[in-house]
C-alpha cells in the first residue's frame, strides 16, 4: 500500500494545492495494515516551495512516529514542462532555483556512452530553502532512508523512541550533523562524506544513480549503495553504532541500561541480510526483545520486560553472489516488506508464547503488563 504525503507542511500543501488525510487517520491505517502484514510505504518530495529544513525534519518525524513500518521514499523535486512548477511565473513567485542533471534511471541499466544523453531538472533552492539547506536536508534524508527504509537502524531507533522517549529524528539528526564524539562511528562518517560528495555531484550536473559494479550493472539510489557497502561488514558497523548510541544518550542526559541497548542492537544485527550468510544460530535474550519488536508496530504493542526469550534467524543463503543479493533484497524486498531476515522466536519463561502463536490471533497470548518491574510470568 502506498500512503503518499509529499509534505506534512500546511504551507507547502497550500502552495502546491494538495490536501492530505489527517495524520491520525493515516496512523490508524498504518497500524491496521501492519496487523495484517500488508506492507505500507510512504513518499515525500524534497524541495517543494515553502519547505524549510525544520518543516522537513518535523514532517519526517511525524511520519515515522505514526508507525511507518516499511519504507519511506524521499524524492528530489523534479520540474517538468507544462506543469505549474515549470511555469516561470510560479518559479519567480517562490524563488525557485533549479539544476539540470544527467538522467540516470534508478534500477535501470548503466548507460552506454554511445546512448543519447537525457537530462532532468531538480529544485535545489527557493525563498524558504537555501542551497546549504538543501544539502543538509538531502544528507538527513539519505541517512533516514539508510537507517529506516533500508532497515539498518529500524529496530534500534524504534526502541530508543519508545523506551527512552527521544524523537525519531533526534538520533538521525545527531549523526547527520556530525555531532558524534571524535573517534566514534568511523563507518557512519565515511557514509556521510559520500553523501556530501553525492550532493556536490548533483550540483555539478551529474545524475542520481550510483554505480556498484560488484552488485550488478544497474544504477542504485544513494541509500541503497550505502546499504550495500555497509553490509560487507555489519559486525563492525554495529559495534561502532553501539558506541555512537551510548555517547548520544549520555550527551542527552538520558538514563539507560547499556545491556538492554546492546540487546536491541543485537536483535537489529540478527535481522539484517548479507551476501554471505552464516547459519542461523539460536540467540538468547535476557529480555522479551524478540516479542517486543514483533508487536511494536501493531495495535497491541507491549513494553520491554525482563523475560528470557530466544530468537532463531533464518537467513537466506546467497552463496556470496552479490548481484543476486542486491537484486533479491533491494529490488524484490523494498516495497514488499521482505527485506529483513525471517526469524522464529519463543519465550523461555512462557513456553507457549512463540512467533507462531503471535501469528494466529486466536492463540495470541495476553499482552505483558505495562507496569515496570519483573515479569509476573
Foldseek 3Di string as FASTA:
>chain_A
DEQEDQFPDPVLCVLQVHDHDDLVVVLVVLQVCVLVLFQYEYEHEPDGQPDALVRRLVRVLSVVVSQRQAAYYYHFAWDDPPDLSVDPVSCVVFVWDKAKAWDADAQAFGDDPPDDTDITIGTQATPRADNVRSLLSQLLVLLCCLCPNLVLVNQLLLCCCPPQPDTSSPLSSCLSVPVFDPPFQPLSVVLSVVSNVQSVCVNVRYYQFDDDVLQDRGTHGSSLVSNQVCLVPVVVNLVRVLNRVVVVCVVVVTDDDSLVSVVSSVVSSLFAAHQADDAWDKDKDQWPSVQQVSCVRHPAHADIARFIKIKTWHYDHNVSRNNVLSCCQPVVCRRSVNNTTDMKMATPVDRQAIPVLSSPVVSHDDGFDRDHDHGPD
